[in-house]
Each structure stands twice: as C-alpha cells, then as structure tokens.
Amino acid sequence: MLTASPARQSASRRAALPLLPGLAVAAAAVPVFRGALGYGFSQDDFAGLARAAGLLPRLAEPWRFLSHQAFFDVMRATAGLDARPYHLASLALHAACALLLWVFLRRRLDGPAALAGAVFFAAHPALYTALYWISAIGDPGALLFALAALLALLRRDRWRWAALPLYALALLCKESVLLLPVAAAAVLGSDPDRTPAGRRAWRDPVVLSLALVAAAYLVYYLAADAMGQHVGGTRGSPYGSGLSPAIAWNALTYLGWSLNVPLPLVRSFSDAIDPAVYPWGAVALLLWLAGLRSRALRARGWLAAGALTLAFLAPVLPLEHHTYHYYLYAPLPGIAWCLAAALDAALARLRPTAAWVTAAALATALAVNGAALVRKVESFPFGATGLRADPTVDRARIATNALADLRAAGLPRGARLLFWSPIAEGGVSATPSPRESYWERNVRAALLDGLAVRVMLPQVGGVEFVRAFRPAPEPYRYAVYRPDGKLGVATPAELDSLIRANAGARGR
C-alpha cells in the first residue's frame, strides 16, 4: 500500500502524536542504563559538590554554569550527598532527550520509523559514560535544550522566538552545540511545510539571531579559555586541537562507533582513536553520500540529518588527545534521523500494522543489545585485580569503599588524613619507589586528590597523599589504603610500631 509523500503528511503527523510510542521511547533508556543508579560519585562529581558547598570557588561565568554549578546547587539542596538522585536526574534527562527526538522525527516520518530512530538513540551504548558519570550531565542538558530550540524554530507563530533562550540554555550546559545555527538552517530549509521562498533559511530572522548568539558565545569562550586550550600552546594542552590527521581519524572513529554496536562485534570500549572501527565509519559515510541520490531519502530530511550530525560533531573532531564515546551524545540524533528516514522509506509499502510490528521488533532488539553491551562495559574486570576496566565505574567503587571505611573509623573532628599505600609499593615499608604507581594514582584520582573526603566527611580538616611514612602529631591519622580503595585508619604512633615490627620480623 503506497502512502502519501512526507510533505503532504506532515500536518497530520503533528496533529496526533500517539502517547504510547513516545512513552516507549523514553522507557527504552531505563533497562539500558539503570545500572548507573547503583554507583556513587566519581572523580569530577566531587568538584561539583565542592563548588556547591563552598569548598571550591563557584563558577561565576557562563561556561557550563547550568551543568557544573546550578545543577549541583539544586541537587545538593534537595538530595544532599546521596548519589542515587543525581544519577536518576541524568537518566531522566536522557529519557527526555529521547522523547523530544521522537517528537522531532515524528514531524517528518511515520510513527514506526520515528520510534525505531528514537530508540536507536535512547539505547545506544556509546552514551554509556554520559549516563554513568554525573559530571557529564552537560551533554544531555545541552541536547535537550538544543532539540527544544529546533522544535520551537519550526513553529509558525511568535513562539518560534523561544528558540533563542532555549539555545542560550543549551550553551550554558555545554559548548558542544555551538554550531546549532548551522543545523537550524538546514533543518528549517528542509521543512516540507515551508514554501520554496521560505527555504532561504539563512535569511530567517530567528536563524540569524541564533547565529549572533553563537558568535557572541564563541568570542567569550575563546577569550575565557575555560578548557585551558591555550595553556602551554594549543597542541600541548590536554584539550589541544589543530588541523591535523586526527580530524579524519576522529571522524571515522565516531562514525564507526555509531554503527558498530552489535554485541558480538564490539571488541573494546576504550576512549581513544579506534582504527578497528574505521571500516564502519567509512561505510557510514559512503551510505550517507549514496543516500543523497535518493529522492525518497532527501524528502525525509537526509541532507538536514547529515548537517545536524556534522554541526554537533565538528567541535570535537580537532581534539588531538580526547576521543570519547560520549562525545557522540549531541551528534547521534542526526545519525538516528538518517536511520529512521531509511526505515521510513523501506516501510512505506507495508500496511500500518506490519510497519509497527517491524519497527517495534527493531526497537526491542536495539534496547536488548544496548542493555547487554552496557552491562559488559560496566562489569568488565581489570585483569585479576578486582578492579573494573571502565574508569568511571572503577573510581566510583574505589571512592565508595574509601569513604565507607573512613566513616566507620570514627574520625575525630579536625582530623588530618595522610593517605598512604604500602601495599601498592609492594609491602609495608617506609621506603617509596621512585615513581608513583598506577594503583596510587588511580585511588588519588578517584578521591580527586582528597577533595572527595572533605566533601563527604566535613569533620576532616585536611587530606594529603604521601609516598612514605613520616611521624606526625595529633590530629593526624594515616589512611592506609589498598588499590580497591578499602583502607584502615591508624595513628602515626600505631603505624610506626607496625613498621618497626615488620622490619624486625624481616631481620630475623
């Protein structure tokens, strides 16, 4: 059975958005990422909590103010130091993004294809870190406001100007959506409800205003150098970027990760340029280029979907030292749109019931696969150490272990902690190795150089990581820790006696 063209059907699609498929899209994220609810805070999460508590200077400028300051202010006031509501907020934001993507796709495509495309995004395992790491809340926050801005732009009344404040809120979450005006022009220009004259999208006053906002924020961002890209030279900084072959390798890696999701085919989940997925990335690019020749795909927004992907992917491509799976968070809706457009064209000849059954089966498979792969990433061991290979989960577990043992130790108010790991050094000894071991560095990173202790245990007066035992007066205590974060607390005198006894036993 042939269906009408997307242009003729768009008005009826907007008129009725079935509730059940939208709820199914939002719910698809839950079984995939629910494991995050079982973990505590990890790494930079403690910096956000410290800013909210006044232990670190507050963010006073626009850079990530909503995600790194306001979010932790609100959550600290309402949820305290319980990590579960913070993780729940991340999951809820992700589900809201998936729901908005469903609404966005439903403007252009039939329900079955929109459902499958939105679930592709909701259940995609590459978004793992954005859901398991609270500090990555800026990614779902920025995308939520960006999608809302695009939907507002497509309105035909004065409310379309709401795209401006929504875009500003997106930038206050994360600068990854800086090129939204490019995507907005492409999306508006491809909207089937607009007349040919109205498709000169760059002349649209709202799009021009979005571009001005983007230009102003870019000037601020470069002047503020919030990411330290200019410290020690652009290439030498952690977020160093430049025109180098890394742009091509990053592009192939991100495109490859977007398609290489079947559980049996995923060999690793390391955050680095990944030559193993270059073929997948090349296939994705070639398929999109080939699709440009299809009138059916162009009518369903194929070109605009590619522009949306590129606009949100471009800011991270020049980064030479940071290639992370969750940097796909903002670009992935464009790829999901391409998938949905291709599926919509393929299902056009089927009866509605058959199309829904096909799309539901595909969406279920995507959710099941995503859940299985995320569980694998979450639980994969780090050798035989008892640690986890994924640093976000591993360091959350380490911090939880250390903080639990410190609470149980009954520390006196004002105690100053000296973290020391003779186990990591190979035995109870006062003599350190020349360099800090991986195990010491990992625990120190998990506790954010001790800031985690000061945030979670306010009675502690100070924290220091040391490489060797030294005598210390009251109120110092030694936190003697293992690589998994478990520790014991002793006074310097108690620990000195233990070291002497151990040295004597060795001498005999």
Protein backbone atom coordinates (compact mmCIF):
# COMPACT_ATOMS: atom_id res chain seq x y z
CA MET A 1 0.00 0.00 0.00
CA LEU A 2 1.52 3.31 -1.10
CA THR A 3 1.49 6.23 1.30
CA ALA A 4 1.40 9.95 0.66
CA SER A 5 4.60 11.93 0.45
CA PRO A 6 6.21 13.23 3.64
CA ALA A 7 5.31 16.81 2.65
CA ARG A 8 1.58 16.03 2.34
CA GLN A 9 1.53 14.02 5.57
CA SER A 10 3.48 16.37 7.85
CA ALA A 11 0.44 18.32 9.05
CA SER A 12 -1.42 15.17 10.08
CA ARG A 13 1.68 13.84 11.81
CA ARG A 14 1.84 16.91 14.01
CA ALA A 15 -1.86 16.77 14.70
CA ALA A 16 -1.68 13.45 16.55
CA LEU A 17 1.35 12.14 18.41
CA PRO A 18 0.35 8.78 19.90
CA LEU A 19 1.17 8.66 23.61
CA LEU A 20 2.25 5.02 23.79
CA PRO A 21 5.17 5.13 21.31
CA GLY A 22 6.54 8.28 22.96
CA LEU A 23 6.43 6.63 26.36
CA ALA A 24 8.06 3.52 24.92
CA VAL A 25 10.93 5.63 23.56
CA ALA A 26 11.55 7.29 26.92
CA ALA A 27 11.26 3.97 28.75
CA ALA A 28 13.77 2.28 26.43
CA ALA A 29 16.62 4.11 28.18
CA VAL A 30 15.80 2.64 31.59
CA PRO A 31 16.80 -1.03 31.15
CA VAL A 32 19.93 0.01 29.25
CA PHE A 33 21.34 2.50 31.76
CA ARG A 34 19.61 1.60 35.04
CA GLY A 35 22.90 0.17 36.36
CA ALA A 36 24.17 3.70 36.91
CA LEU A 37 21.74 4.10 39.82
CA GLY A 38 23.81 1.66 41.88
CA TYR A 39 27.02 3.70 41.93
CA GLY A 40 28.29 6.60 43.97
CA PHE A 41 30.03 9.76 42.88
CA SER A 42 33.06 9.55 40.60
CA GLN A 43 36.01 11.87 40.01
CA ASP A 44 34.86 15.35 38.94
CA ASP A 45 31.49 14.83 40.64
CA PHE A 46 33.22 15.78 43.88
CA ALA A 47 34.35 19.09 42.33
CA GLY A 48 30.71 19.95 41.54
CA LEU A 49 29.70 19.06 45.10
CA ALA A 50 32.62 21.10 46.46
CA ARG A 51 31.57 24.18 44.49
CA ALA A 52 28.03 23.81 45.80
CA ALA A 53 29.37 23.53 49.37
CA GLY A 54 31.79 26.44 49.07
CA LEU A 55 34.93 24.31 49.29
CA LEU A 56 35.92 25.42 45.79
CA PRO A 57 35.26 28.79 44.13
CA ARG A 58 31.86 28.98 42.47
CA LEU A 59 31.55 29.29 38.72
CA ALA A 60 30.60 32.88 38.03
CA GLU A 61 30.88 32.95 34.22
CA PRO A 62 28.64 31.41 31.55
CA TRP A 63 30.92 28.42 30.80
CA ARG A 64 28.88 25.31 31.73
CA PHE A 65 27.18 27.24 34.51
CA LEU A 66 23.97 25.21 34.37
CA SER A 67 25.63 21.79 34.30
CA HIS A 68 28.63 22.38 36.58
CA GLN A 69 27.20 24.87 39.10
CA ALA A 70 23.40 25.25 39.06
CA PHE A 71 22.72 21.53 38.74
CA PHE A 72 24.88 20.68 41.75
CA ASP A 73 23.42 23.62 43.71
CA VAL A 74 19.89 22.33 43.22
CA MET A 75 20.74 18.67 43.76
CA ARG A 76 22.87 19.35 46.83
CA ALA A 77 19.98 21.29 48.36
CA THR A 78 17.38 18.62 47.56
CA ALA A 79 19.27 15.31 47.57
CA GLY A 80 22.23 16.03 49.82
CA LEU A 81 25.14 13.64 49.37
CA ASP A 82 23.16 10.64 48.14
CA ALA A 83 24.38 9.87 44.61
CA ARG A 84 21.24 8.00 43.52
CA PRO A 85 19.04 11.07 42.86
CA TYR A 86 21.87 12.61 40.84
CA HIS A 87 22.10 9.51 38.66
CA LEU A 88 18.32 9.44 38.40
CA ALA A 89 18.35 13.04 37.16
CA SER A 90 20.86 12.07 34.45
CA LEU A 91 18.67 9.16 33.38
CA ALA A 92 15.55 11.34 33.37
CA LEU A 93 17.27 13.97 31.21
CA HIS A 94 18.36 11.28 28.76
CA ALA A 95 14.83 9.89 28.56
CA ALA A 96 13.54 13.42 27.95
CA CYS A 97 16.06 13.86 25.10
CA ALA A 98 14.87 10.62 23.53
CA LEU A 99 11.26 11.76 23.84
CA LEU A 100 12.00 15.13 22.20
CA LEU A 101 13.85 13.34 19.41
CA TRP A 102 10.76 11.18 18.87
CA VAL A 103 8.62 14.32 18.61
CA PHE A 104 11.14 15.88 16.22
CA LEU A 105 11.33 12.81 13.97
CA ARG A 106 7.55 12.41 14.03
CA ARG A 107 7.22 15.74 12.19
CA ARG A 108 8.88 14.24 9.13
CA LEU A 109 8.36 10.49 9.37
CA ASP A 110 5.68 7.92 10.10
CA GLY A 111 5.38 6.67 13.65
CA PRO A 112 7.12 3.29 13.24
CA ALA A 113 10.29 4.79 11.76
CA ALA A 114 10.32 7.63 14.30
CA LEU A 115 10.01 5.07 17.10
CA ALA A 116 12.94 2.98 15.86
CA GLY A 117 15.13 6.03 15.25
CA ALA A 118 14.48 7.48 18.70
CA VAL A 119 15.13 4.13 20.41
CA PHE A 120 18.37 3.80 18.44
CA PHE A 121 19.46 6.97 20.26
CA ALA A 122 17.90 6.12 23.64
CA ALA A 123 19.56 2.69 23.86
CA HIS A 124 22.88 3.44 22.16
CA PRO A 125 25.73 2.04 24.29
CA ALA A 126 28.20 4.74 23.18
CA LEU A 127 26.32 7.11 25.51
CA TYR A 128 27.35 4.98 28.48
CA THR A 129 29.63 7.49 30.20
CA ALA A 130 27.13 10.34 29.82
CA LEU A 131 24.71 8.30 31.95
CA TYR A 132 27.15 6.68 34.39
CA TRP A 133 29.15 9.83 35.15
CA ILE A 134 27.14 12.55 36.85
CA SER A 135 29.57 15.26 35.75
CA ALA A 136 28.65 14.53 32.12
CA ILE A 137 25.16 15.92 32.79
CA GLY A 138 26.02 18.78 30.43
CA ASP A 139 25.68 16.53 27.40
CA PRO A 140 22.02 15.52 27.88
CA GLY A 141 21.27 19.00 29.18
CA ALA A 142 22.71 20.72 26.11
CA LEU A 143 20.97 18.34 23.72
CA LEU A 144 17.63 18.66 25.49
CA PHE A 145 17.60 22.44 25.06
CA ALA A 146 19.03 22.20 21.52
CA LEU A 147 16.23 19.86 20.39
CA ALA A 148 13.68 22.09 22.09
CA ALA A 149 15.16 25.08 20.24
CA LEU A 150 14.85 23.28 16.89
CA LEU A 151 11.25 22.35 17.61
CA ALA A 152 10.48 25.94 18.57
CA LEU A 153 12.13 27.19 15.38
CA LEU A 154 9.82 25.03 13.27
CA ARG A 155 6.72 26.65 14.72
CA ARG A 156 4.83 29.19 12.62
CA ASP A 157 3.86 31.66 15.34
CA ARG A 158 5.63 34.06 17.67
CA TRP A 159 6.66 31.21 19.95
CA ARG A 160 9.36 30.27 17.46
CA TRP A 161 11.43 33.05 19.06
CA ALA A 162 11.64 30.81 22.12
CA ALA A 163 14.45 29.11 20.20
CA LEU A 164 16.79 31.91 21.34
CA PRO A 165 16.56 31.46 25.12
CA LEU A 166 16.48 27.70 24.67
CA TYR A 167 19.70 27.86 22.67
CA ALA A 168 21.28 30.06 25.33
CA LEU A 169 20.37 27.48 27.97
CA ALA A 170 21.94 24.76 25.81
CA LEU A 171 25.20 26.71 25.61
CA LEU A 172 25.17 27.17 29.39
CA CYS A 173 25.12 23.38 29.68
CA LYS A 174 27.91 22.61 27.21
CA GLU A 175 29.51 24.30 24.22
CA SER A 176 29.18 21.15 22.09
CA VAL A 177 26.05 22.64 20.48
CA LEU A 178 27.80 25.85 19.41
CA LEU A 179 27.10 25.16 15.72
CA LEU A 180 23.35 24.71 16.23
CA PRO A 181 22.59 27.67 13.89
CA VAL A 182 24.10 25.64 11.03
CA ALA A 183 21.87 22.70 11.87
CA ALA A 184 18.90 25.04 12.35
CA ALA A 185 19.31 26.49 8.87
CA ALA A 186 19.50 23.02 7.34
CA VAL A 187 16.51 21.73 9.31
CA LEU A 188 14.40 24.81 8.56
CA GLY A 189 15.35 24.76 4.89
CA SER A 190 14.29 21.14 4.53
CA ASP A 191 10.99 21.51 6.37
CA PRO A 192 8.26 20.31 3.96
CA ASP A 193 5.72 22.78 5.37
CA ARG A 194 7.69 25.80 4.21
CA THR A 195 7.26 27.35 0.78
CA PRO A 196 10.26 27.40 -1.57
CA ALA A 197 10.71 31.11 -0.82
CA GLY A 198 10.74 30.34 2.87
CA ARG A 199 13.53 27.82 2.44
CA ARG A 200 16.13 30.56 2.28
CA ALA A 201 16.75 29.67 5.89
CA TRP A 202 19.77 31.86 6.50
CA ARG A 203 17.56 34.90 5.90
CA ASP A 204 15.16 33.79 8.59
CA PRO A 205 15.36 36.31 11.46
CA VAL A 206 15.37 33.62 14.15
CA VAL A 207 18.21 31.74 12.47
CA LEU A 208 20.18 34.97 12.09
CA SER A 209 19.60 35.72 15.77
CA LEU A 210 20.81 32.22 16.70
CA ALA A 211 23.96 32.85 14.68
CA LEU A 212 24.58 36.10 16.56
CA VAL A 213 24.22 34.30 19.89
CA ALA A 214 26.66 31.64 18.71
CA ALA A 215 29.18 34.27 17.58
CA ALA A 216 28.97 36.09 20.91
CA TYR A 217 29.47 32.88 22.88
CA LEU A 218 32.40 31.85 20.68
CA VAL A 219 34.16 35.16 21.35
CA TYR A 220 33.59 34.70 25.09
CA TYR A 221 34.71 31.05 25.01
CA LEU A 222 37.98 31.82 23.22
CA ALA A 223 38.71 34.77 25.48
CA ALA A 224 37.95 32.87 28.68
CA ASP A 225 39.97 29.78 27.63
CA ALA A 226 37.91 27.77 30.10
CA MET A 227 39.34 24.43 28.91
CA GLY A 228 42.94 25.60 29.07
CA GLN A 229 43.49 25.04 25.37
CA HIS A 230 45.96 27.90 25.22
CA VAL A 231 47.99 26.85 28.26
CA GLY A 232 51.41 25.76 27.14
CA GLY A 233 50.41 26.10 23.50
CA THR A 234 47.36 24.72 21.76
CA ARG A 235 48.97 21.40 20.86
CA GLY A 236 50.46 20.90 24.32
CA SER A 237 47.31 21.35 26.39
CA PRO A 238 45.08 18.41 27.39
CA TYR A 239 42.34 19.78 25.12
CA GLY A 240 44.81 20.76 22.43
CA SER A 241 43.40 20.93 18.94
CA GLY A 242 44.54 21.77 15.45
CA LEU A 243 44.31 20.99 11.77
CA SER A 244 45.90 17.56 11.73
CA PRO A 245 45.15 14.00 10.53
CA ALA A 246 43.44 13.49 13.90
CA ILE A 247 40.36 15.18 12.40
CA ALA A 248 39.91 12.39 9.86
CA TRP A 249 40.71 9.62 12.35
CA ASN A 250 38.33 11.09 14.91
CA ALA A 251 35.58 11.34 12.29
CA LEU A 252 35.99 7.71 11.24
CA THR A 253 36.12 6.64 14.88
CA TYR A 254 32.93 8.44 15.89
CA LEU A 255 31.03 7.32 12.79
CA GLY A 256 32.32 3.80 13.34
CA TRP A 257 31.20 3.77 16.97
CA SER A 258 27.75 4.93 15.92
CA LEU A 259 27.23 1.80 13.78
CA ASN A 260 29.42 -0.81 15.47
CA VAL A 261 27.01 -1.64 18.28
CA PRO A 262 26.06 -5.34 17.87
CA LEU A 263 27.38 -7.05 21.00
CA PRO A 264 29.31 -9.87 19.23
CA LEU A 265 31.20 -7.34 17.07
CA VAL A 266 32.34 -4.91 19.80
CA ARG A 267 35.88 -5.90 20.78
CA SER A 268 36.77 -2.96 23.01
CA PHE A 269 35.32 0.16 24.58
CA SER A 270 38.42 2.27 25.09
CA ASP A 271 38.16 6.02 24.72
CA ALA A 272 40.79 6.68 22.06
CA ILE A 273 41.06 6.88 18.29
CA ASP A 274 39.99 3.39 17.23
CA PRO A 275 41.35 2.06 13.90
CA ALA A 276 39.31 -1.11 14.38
CA VAL A 277 36.10 0.79 13.57
CA TYR A 278 37.42 2.79 10.61
CA PRO A 279 35.67 0.41 8.16
CA TRP A 280 32.37 1.02 9.96
CA GLY A 281 32.96 4.76 9.78
CA ALA A 282 33.76 4.59 6.07
CA VAL A 283 30.60 2.55 5.45
CA ALA A 284 28.51 5.11 7.35
CA LEU A 285 29.94 7.98 5.29
CA LEU A 286 29.52 6.17 1.97
CA LEU A 287 25.94 5.20 2.78
CA TRP A 288 25.07 8.80 3.57
CA LEU A 289 26.68 10.06 0.35
CA ALA A 290 24.85 7.40 -1.64
CA GLY A 291 21.58 8.36 0.03
CA LEU A 292 21.85 11.88 -1.34
CA ARG A 293 20.87 10.46 -4.73
CA SER A 294 17.58 9.13 -3.39
CA ARG A 295 14.61 11.45 -3.77
CA ALA A 296 12.74 9.49 -1.11
CA LEU A 297 15.52 9.99 1.43
CA ARG A 298 16.02 13.66 0.58
CA ALA A 299 12.29 14.22 1.08
CA ARG A 300 12.65 12.73 4.55
CA GLY A 301 15.43 15.13 5.58
CA TRP A 302 18.53 13.11 4.65
CA LEU A 303 20.65 16.18 3.94
CA ALA A 304 19.48 18.04 7.03
CA ALA A 305 20.17 14.97 9.18
CA GLY A 306 23.74 14.89 7.90
CA ALA A 307 24.12 18.61 8.60
CA LEU A 308 22.80 18.10 12.14
CA THR A 309 25.35 15.32 12.72
CA LEU A 310 28.24 17.34 11.34
CA ALA A 311 27.29 20.51 13.21
CA PHE A 312 27.42 18.75 16.58
CA LEU A 313 30.39 16.53 15.72
CA ALA A 314 32.65 19.25 14.28
CA PRO A 315 33.62 20.86 17.63
CA VAL A 316 35.26 17.66 18.91
CA LEU A 317 36.95 16.48 15.70
CA PRO A 318 40.07 18.70 16.06
CA LEU A 319 40.76 17.47 19.63
CA GLU A 320 44.02 15.53 19.43
CA HIS A 321 44.01 13.94 22.88
CA HIS A 322 40.32 13.46 23.67
CA THR A 323 38.28 10.95 21.71
CA TYR A 324 35.44 9.80 23.94
CA HIS A 325 32.40 7.66 23.19
CA TYR A 326 30.04 10.04 24.97
CA TYR A 327 31.11 12.89 22.68
CA LEU A 328 28.63 11.22 20.32
CA TYR A 329 25.77 12.35 22.53
CA ALA A 330 24.91 15.50 20.57
CA PRO A 331 25.67 14.19 17.04
CA LEU A 332 23.85 10.86 17.47
CA PRO A 333 20.31 12.25 16.90
CA GLY A 334 21.35 13.20 13.36
CA ILE A 335 22.52 9.65 12.72
CA ALA A 336 19.30 8.36 14.27
CA TRP A 337 17.38 10.60 11.86
CA CYS A 338 19.20 9.02 8.90
CA LEU A 339 18.38 5.53 10.17
CA ALA A 340 14.74 6.49 10.69
CA ALA A 341 14.50 8.09 7.23
CA ALA A 342 15.87 4.96 5.56
CA LEU A 343 13.49 2.78 7.57
CA ASP A 344 10.54 5.05 6.75
CA ALA A 345 11.28 4.71 3.04
CA ALA A 346 11.60 0.94 3.38
CA LEU A 347 8.34 0.57 5.31
CA ALA A 348 6.32 2.85 3.05
CA ARG A 349 4.78 -0.05 1.12
CA LEU A 350 3.78 -2.05 4.18
CA ARG A 351 0.43 -1.93 5.89
CA PRO A 352 0.46 0.13 9.10
CA THR A 353 0.22 -2.91 11.37
CA ALA A 354 3.13 -4.63 9.66
CA ALA A 355 5.19 -1.44 9.80
CA TRP A 356 4.57 -1.06 13.53
CA VAL A 357 5.43 -4.69 14.22
CA THR A 358 8.66 -4.39 12.23
CA ALA A 359 9.68 -1.16 13.96
CA ALA A 360 8.78 -2.49 17.40
CA ALA A 361 10.86 -5.61 16.80
CA LEU A 362 13.84 -3.50 15.71
CA ALA A 363 13.45 -1.16 18.69
CA THR A 364 13.30 -4.12 21.07
CA ALA A 365 16.43 -5.62 19.54
CA LEU A 366 18.24 -2.30 19.89
CA ALA A 367 17.26 -1.99 23.56
CA VAL A 368 18.21 -5.59 24.39
CA ASN A 369 21.54 -5.27 22.61
CA GLY A 370 22.25 -1.92 24.26
CA ALA A 371 21.50 -3.30 27.72
CA ALA A 372 23.74 -6.33 27.17
CA LEU A 373 26.65 -4.26 25.87
CA VAL A 374 26.37 -1.69 28.66
CA ARG A 375 26.39 -4.48 31.28
CA LYS A 376 29.53 -5.86 29.64
CA VAL A 377 31.28 -2.49 29.68
CA GLU A 378 30.18 -1.83 33.25
CA SER A 379 31.35 -5.15 34.69
CA PHE A 380 34.42 -5.94 32.58
CA PRO A 381 37.29 -6.67 35.01
CA PHE A 382 40.70 -5.06 35.04
CA GLY A 383 42.83 -8.18 34.94
CA ALA A 384 42.74 -10.17 38.19
CA THR A 385 42.88 -7.11 40.45
CA GLY A 386 39.22 -6.95 41.43
CA LEU A 387 39.00 -3.54 39.76
CA ARG A 388 36.89 -2.59 36.75
CA ALA A 389 38.23 -1.74 33.32
CA ASP A 390 35.90 1.24 32.92
CA PRO A 391 37.42 4.16 34.86
CA THR A 392 34.12 5.85 35.72
CA VAL A 393 32.71 2.79 37.45
CA ASP A 394 36.07 1.72 38.86
CA ARG A 395 36.74 5.06 40.52
CA ALA A 396 33.19 5.34 41.81
CA ARG A 397 33.64 1.95 43.52
CA ILE A 398 37.04 2.96 44.91
CA ALA A 399 35.65 6.20 46.32
CA THR A 400 32.67 4.39 47.84
CA ASN A 401 34.96 1.85 49.56
CA ALA A 402 37.30 4.50 50.94
CA LEU A 403 34.54 6.77 52.21
CA ALA A 404 32.67 3.88 53.86
CA ASP A 405 35.78 2.78 55.77
CA LEU A 406 36.55 6.34 56.83
CA ARG A 407 33.02 6.78 58.18
CA ALA A 408 33.36 3.54 60.14
CA ALA A 409 36.67 4.70 61.65
CA GLY A 410 35.02 7.36 63.82
CA LEU A 411 37.44 10.14 62.92
CA PRO A 412 37.74 12.98 65.44
CA ARG A 413 36.71 16.44 64.31
CA GLY A 414 39.57 18.27 62.67
CA ALA A 415 41.47 15.08 61.84
CA ARG A 416 44.04 15.46 59.09
CA LEU A 417 44.44 12.40 56.91
CA LEU A 418 47.61 11.13 55.29
CA PHE A 419 46.76 8.63 52.56
CA TRP A 420 49.50 6.04 52.15
CA SER A 421 49.56 2.76 50.27
CA PRO A 422 52.39 0.42 51.27
CA ILE A 423 50.51 -2.37 49.50
CA ALA A 424 50.81 -0.55 46.20
CA GLU A 425 54.52 -0.14 46.94
CA GLY A 426 54.92 -3.88 47.37
CA GLY A 427 54.90 -4.24 51.15
CA VAL A 428 54.74 -2.44 54.50
CA SER A 429 57.82 -0.28 54.16
CA ALA A 430 58.87 3.28 54.76
CA THR A 431 60.83 3.43 51.54
CA PRO A 432 58.85 4.50 48.43
CA SER A 433 59.55 3.53 44.87
CA PRO A 434 60.96 6.30 42.62
CA ARG A 435 57.65 6.91 40.90
CA GLU A 436 54.00 6.86 41.88
CA SER A 437 52.45 3.53 40.94
CA TYR A 438 49.31 3.18 38.83
CA TRP A 439 47.40 1.94 41.89
CA GLU A 440 48.29 5.02 43.92
CA ARG A 441 47.47 7.33 41.04
CA ASN A 442 44.14 5.59 40.45
CA VAL A 443 42.99 5.94 44.07
CA ARG A 444 44.16 9.55 44.20
CA ALA A 445 42.16 10.30 41.03
CA ALA A 446 39.10 8.51 42.43
CA LEU A 447 39.21 10.74 45.51
CA LEU A 448 40.09 13.82 43.43
CA ASP A 449 43.30 14.43 45.38
CA GLY A 450 41.38 14.11 48.64
CA LEU A 451 38.64 16.61 47.82
CA ALA A 452 36.10 13.77 47.92
CA VAL A 453 36.91 13.17 51.59
CA ARG A 454 36.50 16.81 52.52
CA VAL A 455 33.16 16.97 50.68
CA MET A 456 31.67 13.78 52.07
CA LEU A 457 33.22 13.97 55.58
CA PRO A 458 33.13 17.65 56.62
CA GLN A 459 34.74 16.87 60.01
CA VAL A 460 38.04 16.09 58.26
CA GLY A 461 40.37 19.08 58.40
CA GLY A 462 42.68 18.18 55.53
CA VAL A 463 43.84 15.39 53.23
CA GLU A 464 47.25 14.66 51.75
CA PHE A 465 48.58 11.77 49.67
CA VAL A 466 52.07 10.76 50.76
CA ARG A 467 54.65 8.37 49.30
CA ALA A 468 56.38 7.39 52.55
CA PHE A 469 55.67 7.17 56.24
CA ARG A 470 56.68 10.10 58.41
CA PRO A 471 55.98 10.84 62.07
CA ALA A 472 53.17 13.33 62.61
CA PRO A 473 51.48 14.86 65.67
CA GLU A 474 47.82 14.97 66.59
CA PRO A 475 45.32 15.31 64.92
CA TYR A 476 46.96 13.41 62.02
CA ARG A 477 45.76 9.94 61.07
CA TYR A 478 47.09 7.60 58.44
CA ALA A 479 44.60 6.15 55.95
CA VAL A 480 46.44 3.04 54.76
CA TYR A 481 44.66 2.02 51.58
CA ARG A 482 44.50 -0.82 49.11
CA PRO A 483 44.19 -0.42 45.33
CA ASP A 484 40.43 -1.02 45.57
CA GLY A 485 40.02 1.89 47.99
CA LYS A 486 39.44 -0.19 51.12
CA LEU A 487 41.52 1.18 53.98
CA GLY A 488 42.34 1.17 57.63
CA VAL A 489 42.94 4.18 59.87
CA ALA A 490 45.77 4.36 62.38
CA THR A 491 47.58 6.98 64.40
CA PRO A 492 51.16 7.72 63.33
CA ALA A 493 52.41 6.03 66.51
CA GLU A 494 50.43 2.86 65.79
CA LEU A 495 51.69 2.73 62.24
CA ASP A 496 55.28 3.38 63.35
CA SER A 497 55.08 0.42 65.70
CA LEU A 498 53.74 -1.78 62.90
CA ILE A 499 56.56 -0.76 60.55
CA ARG A 500 59.19 -1.43 63.21
CA ALA A 501 57.66 -4.81 64.00
CA ASN A 502 57.57 -5.71 60.34
CA ALA A 503 61.19 -4.63 59.87
CA GLY A 504 62.22 -6.73 62.86
CA ALA A 505 60.40 -9.78 61.54
CA ARG A 506 62.20 -9.43 58.23
CA GLY A 507 65.55 -9.08 60.01
CA ARG A 508 65.04 -12.40 61.76
